[in-house]
Amino acid sequence: MVMKHKIEKIIEHEDGRVFTVSRGSVPLVDLPQEAIDHLVAQGMDRAQAENLKTTGVSIRIMRAPHMETDVPVDDATKAMIDCIKDKK
């Protein structure tokens, strides 16, 4: 399975380093037993509570040297970087 992260934010430090903050979803997982018991205590049918799935979120912060000004990149990459920076 390939997990894709969507860039949500670009952080540029004064020293020229660039970081990307991205978010992605993790596969569906069963609820923990405590959560199931709580839902049942609140009146939900046990079978329904046990069949609920939850989606987690993965957040990743990575250095993006290809976005730093001192690293040469081709025109297509530069255009894509400028497009991402314009959206932040």
N, C-alpha and C. Protein backbone atom coordinates (compact mmCIF):
# COMPACT_ATOMS: atom_id res chain seq x y z
N MET A 1 0.84 -1.18 0.00
CA MET A 1 0.00 0.00 0.00
C MET A 1 0.89 1.25 0.00
N VAL A 2 0.54 2.21 -0.83
CA VAL A 2 1.28 3.46 -0.91
C VAL A 2 0.46 4.54 -0.23
N MET A 3 1.09 5.21 0.71
CA MET A 3 0.41 6.30 1.40
C MET A 3 0.90 7.60 0.79
N LYS A 4 -0.02 8.44 0.35
CA LYS A 4 0.34 9.73 -0.22
C LYS A 4 0.09 10.81 0.80
N HIS A 5 1.07 11.68 0.94
CA HIS A 5 0.94 12.82 1.83
C HIS A 5 0.73 14.08 1.00
N LYS A 6 -0.21 14.92 1.40
CA LYS A 6 -0.47 16.18 0.73
C LYS A 6 0.25 17.28 1.50
N ILE A 7 1.04 18.08 0.79
CA ILE A 7 1.75 19.18 1.45
C ILE A 7 0.73 20.21 1.91
N GLU A 8 0.78 20.51 3.21
CA GLU A 8 -0.16 21.46 3.79
C GLU A 8 0.51 22.81 4.05
N LYS A 9 1.81 22.79 4.33
CA LYS A 9 2.49 24.02 4.71
C LYS A 9 3.95 23.92 4.31
N ILE A 10 4.53 25.05 3.96
CA ILE A 10 5.97 25.14 3.69
C ILE A 10 6.54 26.13 4.69
N ILE A 11 7.58 25.71 5.39
CA ILE A 11 8.22 26.56 6.39
C ILE A 11 9.61 26.93 5.88
N GLU A 12 9.88 28.23 5.79
CA GLU A 12 11.18 28.69 5.34
C GLU A 12 11.87 29.38 6.51
N HIS A 13 13.03 28.86 6.89
CA HIS A 13 13.81 29.45 7.98
C HIS A 13 14.67 30.59 7.43
N GLU A 14 15.08 31.49 8.32
CA GLU A 14 15.91 32.63 7.91
C GLU A 14 17.22 32.20 7.28
N ASP A 15 17.74 31.04 7.67
CA ASP A 15 19.02 30.59 7.12
C ASP A 15 18.89 29.91 5.76
N GLY A 16 17.66 29.88 5.20
CA GLY A 16 17.47 29.32 3.86
C GLY A 16 16.95 27.89 3.85
N ARG A 17 16.95 27.21 5.00
CA ARG A 17 16.42 25.84 5.02
C ARG A 17 14.92 25.86 4.84
N VAL A 18 14.41 24.87 4.11
CA VAL A 18 12.98 24.78 3.83
C VAL A 18 12.47 23.42 4.31
N PHE A 19 11.31 23.43 4.95
CA PHE A 19 10.67 22.20 5.42
C PHE A 19 9.25 22.16 4.89
N THR A 20 8.77 20.96 4.60
CA THR A 20 7.37 20.79 4.22
C THR A 20 6.65 20.05 5.34
N VAL A 21 5.42 20.45 5.58
CA VAL A 21 4.55 19.77 6.53
C VAL A 21 3.45 19.14 5.69
N SER A 22 3.36 17.81 5.75
CA SER A 22 2.36 17.13 4.94
C SER A 22 1.49 16.23 5.80
N ARG A 23 0.33 15.90 5.25
CA ARG A 23 -0.66 15.10 5.98
C ARG A 23 -1.15 13.98 5.07
N GLY A 24 -1.37 12.83 5.65
CA GLY A 24 -1.92 11.70 4.91
C GLY A 24 -2.78 10.85 5.82
N SER A 25 -3.60 10.03 5.24
CA SER A 25 -4.48 9.15 6.02
C SER A 25 -3.84 7.79 6.18
N VAL A 26 -4.05 7.20 7.32
CA VAL A 26 -3.58 5.83 7.55
C VAL A 26 -4.77 4.89 7.33
N PRO A 27 -4.51 3.63 7.09
CA PRO A 27 -5.61 2.70 6.81
C PRO A 27 -6.65 2.63 7.94
N LEU A 28 -7.85 2.21 7.58
CA LEU A 28 -8.91 2.05 8.57
C LEU A 28 -8.50 1.02 9.62
N VAL A 29 -8.81 1.32 10.86
CA VAL A 29 -8.50 0.40 11.96
C VAL A 29 -9.72 0.27 12.85
N ASP A 30 -9.78 -0.83 13.59
CA ASP A 30 -10.87 -1.05 14.54
C ASP A 30 -10.73 -0.09 15.71
N LEU A 31 -11.85 0.24 16.31
CA LEU A 31 -11.82 1.07 17.51
C LEU A 31 -11.22 0.27 18.66
N PRO A 32 -10.55 0.96 19.59
CA PRO A 32 -10.07 0.26 20.79
C PRO A 32 -11.25 -0.25 21.61
N GLN A 33 -11.03 -1.31 22.37
CA GLN A 33 -12.10 -1.91 23.17
C GLN A 33 -12.74 -0.92 24.13
N GLU A 34 -11.93 -0.02 24.71
CA GLU A 34 -12.49 0.98 25.63
C GLU A 34 -13.50 1.88 24.91
N ALA A 35 -13.20 2.25 23.68
CA ALA A 35 -14.11 3.11 22.92
C ALA A 35 -15.41 2.36 22.59
N ILE A 36 -15.27 1.08 22.23
CA ILE A 36 -16.46 0.26 21.95
C ILE A 36 -17.33 0.16 23.20
N ASP A 37 -16.70 -0.14 24.33
CA ASP A 37 -17.46 -0.25 25.59
C ASP A 37 -18.15 1.06 25.94
N HIS A 38 -17.49 2.17 25.69
CA HIS A 38 -18.08 3.49 25.98
C HIS A 38 -19.30 3.73 25.10
N LEU A 39 -19.17 3.41 23.80
CA LEU A 39 -20.30 3.59 22.89
C LEU A 39 -21.49 2.72 23.29
N VAL A 40 -21.22 1.49 23.71
CA VAL A 40 -22.28 0.58 24.15
C VAL A 40 -22.94 1.14 25.42
N ALA A 41 -22.11 1.68 26.33
CA ALA A 41 -22.64 2.27 27.56
C ALA A 41 -23.53 3.48 27.26
N GLN A 42 -23.26 4.15 26.14
CA GLN A 42 -24.05 5.32 25.74
C GLN A 42 -25.31 4.92 24.96
N GLY A 43 -25.49 3.59 24.73
CA GLY A 43 -26.72 3.12 24.10
C GLY A 43 -26.56 2.56 22.69
N MET A 44 -25.35 2.50 22.16
CA MET A 44 -25.16 1.96 20.81
C MET A 44 -25.17 0.44 20.86
N ASP A 45 -25.70 -0.17 19.82
CA ASP A 45 -25.69 -1.63 19.70
C ASP A 45 -24.24 -2.11 19.64
N ARG A 46 -23.90 -3.18 20.39
CA ARG A 46 -22.53 -3.67 20.45
C ARG A 46 -22.01 -4.08 19.07
N ALA A 47 -22.82 -4.78 18.28
CA ALA A 47 -22.38 -5.22 16.95
C ALA A 47 -22.05 -4.01 16.08
N GLN A 48 -22.86 -2.99 16.16
CA GLN A 48 -22.62 -1.78 15.37
C GLN A 48 -21.33 -1.09 15.83
N ALA A 49 -21.14 -1.01 17.14
CA ALA A 49 -19.94 -0.37 17.68
C ALA A 49 -18.68 -1.14 17.28
N GLU A 50 -18.76 -2.47 17.28
CA GLU A 50 -17.59 -3.28 16.93
C GLU A 50 -17.26 -3.20 15.44
N ASN A 51 -18.24 -2.83 14.61
CA ASN A 51 -18.00 -2.71 13.18
C ASN A 51 -17.51 -1.33 12.75
N LEU A 52 -17.50 -0.38 13.68
CA LEU A 52 -17.01 0.96 13.34
C LEU A 52 -15.51 0.92 13.09
N LYS A 53 -15.08 1.70 12.14
CA LYS A 53 -13.65 1.82 11.84
C LYS A 53 -13.28 3.29 12.01
N THR A 54 -12.02 3.52 12.23
CA THR A 54 -11.54 4.88 12.36
C THR A 54 -10.36 5.08 11.41
N THR A 55 -10.22 6.30 10.94
CA THR A 55 -9.10 6.65 10.07
C THR A 55 -8.19 7.58 10.84
N GLY A 56 -6.94 7.25 10.90
CA GLY A 56 -5.97 8.10 11.55
C GLY A 56 -5.32 9.03 10.54
N VAL A 57 -4.58 9.98 11.06
CA VAL A 57 -3.88 10.94 10.22
C VAL A 57 -2.40 10.86 10.54
N SER A 58 -1.61 10.86 9.50
CA SER A 58 -0.17 10.85 9.64
C SER A 58 0.34 12.23 9.23
N ILE A 59 1.10 12.87 10.09
CA ILE A 59 1.69 14.17 9.77
C ILE A 59 3.20 13.99 9.69
N ARG A 60 3.78 14.55 8.63
CA ARG A 60 5.21 14.35 8.38
C ARG A 60 5.85 15.71 8.13
N ILE A 61 6.96 15.98 8.79
CA ILE A 61 7.75 17.19 8.55
C ILE A 61 9.08 16.75 7.96
N MET A 62 9.37 17.26 6.77
CA MET A 62 10.59 16.84 6.08
C MET A 62 11.35 18.06 5.58
N ARG A 63 12.66 17.96 5.61
CA ARG A 63 13.46 19.01 4.99
C ARG A 63 13.33 18.87 3.49
N ALA A 64 13.21 19.98 2.80
CA ALA A 64 13.00 19.98 1.36
C ALA A 64 14.14 20.73 0.68
N PRO A 65 15.33 20.12 0.61
CA PRO A 65 16.47 20.84 0.04
C PRO A 65 16.25 21.25 -1.41
N HIS A 66 15.41 20.51 -2.14
CA HIS A 66 15.17 20.88 -3.54
C HIS A 66 14.40 22.19 -3.66
N MET A 67 13.83 22.70 -2.53
CA MET A 67 13.11 23.96 -2.57
C MET A 67 13.98 25.12 -2.09
N GLU A 68 15.19 24.83 -1.66
CA GLU A 68 16.07 25.88 -1.15
C GLU A 68 16.72 26.61 -2.32
N THR A 69 16.97 27.88 -2.12
CA THR A 69 17.41 28.73 -3.22
C THR A 69 18.80 28.39 -3.76
N ASP A 70 19.66 27.79 -2.95
CA ASP A 70 21.02 27.52 -3.42
C ASP A 70 21.16 26.18 -4.14
N VAL A 71 20.07 25.46 -4.33
CA VAL A 71 20.12 24.17 -5.03
C VAL A 71 19.54 24.36 -6.43
N PRO A 72 20.32 24.10 -7.50
CA PRO A 72 19.79 24.29 -8.85
C PRO A 72 18.73 23.25 -9.19
N VAL A 73 17.64 23.70 -9.84
CA VAL A 73 16.58 22.81 -10.27
C VAL A 73 16.18 23.18 -11.70
N ASP A 74 15.56 22.24 -12.40
CA ASP A 74 15.13 22.54 -13.77
C ASP A 74 13.88 23.43 -13.75
N ASP A 75 13.52 23.98 -14.91
CA ASP A 75 12.41 24.94 -14.99
C ASP A 75 11.07 24.34 -14.57
N ALA A 76 10.82 23.07 -14.94
CA ALA A 76 9.54 22.43 -14.59
C ALA A 76 9.42 22.28 -13.07
N THR A 77 10.51 21.89 -12.42
CA THR A 77 10.50 21.74 -10.96
C THR A 77 10.33 23.11 -10.30
N LYS A 78 11.03 24.12 -10.82
CA LYS A 78 10.91 25.48 -10.27
C LYS A 78 9.47 25.97 -10.37
N ALA A 79 8.80 25.71 -11.50
CA ALA A 79 7.40 26.13 -11.67
C ALA A 79 6.50 25.44 -10.66
N MET A 80 6.74 24.15 -10.40
CA MET A 80 5.93 23.41 -9.44
C MET A 80 6.18 23.94 -8.02
N ILE A 81 7.42 24.24 -7.69
CA ILE A 81 7.76 24.79 -6.37
C ILE A 81 7.08 26.14 -6.18
N ASP A 82 7.14 26.99 -7.20
CA ASP A 82 6.51 28.31 -7.10
C ASP A 82 5.00 28.17 -6.93
N CYS A 83 4.40 27.22 -7.60
CA CYS A 83 2.95 26.98 -7.48
C CYS A 83 2.60 26.58 -6.04
N ILE A 84 3.38 25.69 -5.44
CA ILE A 84 3.14 25.25 -4.06
C ILE A 84 3.33 26.42 -3.11
N LYS A 85 4.39 27.20 -3.30
CA LYS A 85 4.66 28.34 -2.41
C LYS A 85 3.54 29.38 -2.50
N ASP A 86 2.99 29.58 -3.69
CA ASP A 86 1.92 30.56 -3.87
C ASP A 86 0.66 30.16 -3.12
N LYS A 87 0.46 28.86 -2.88
CA LYS A 87 -0.75 28.37 -2.20
C LYS A 87 -0.64 28.43 -0.70
N LYS A 88 0.54 28.65 -0.14
CA LYS A 88 0.67 28.59 1.33
C LYS A 88 0.12 29.78 2.05
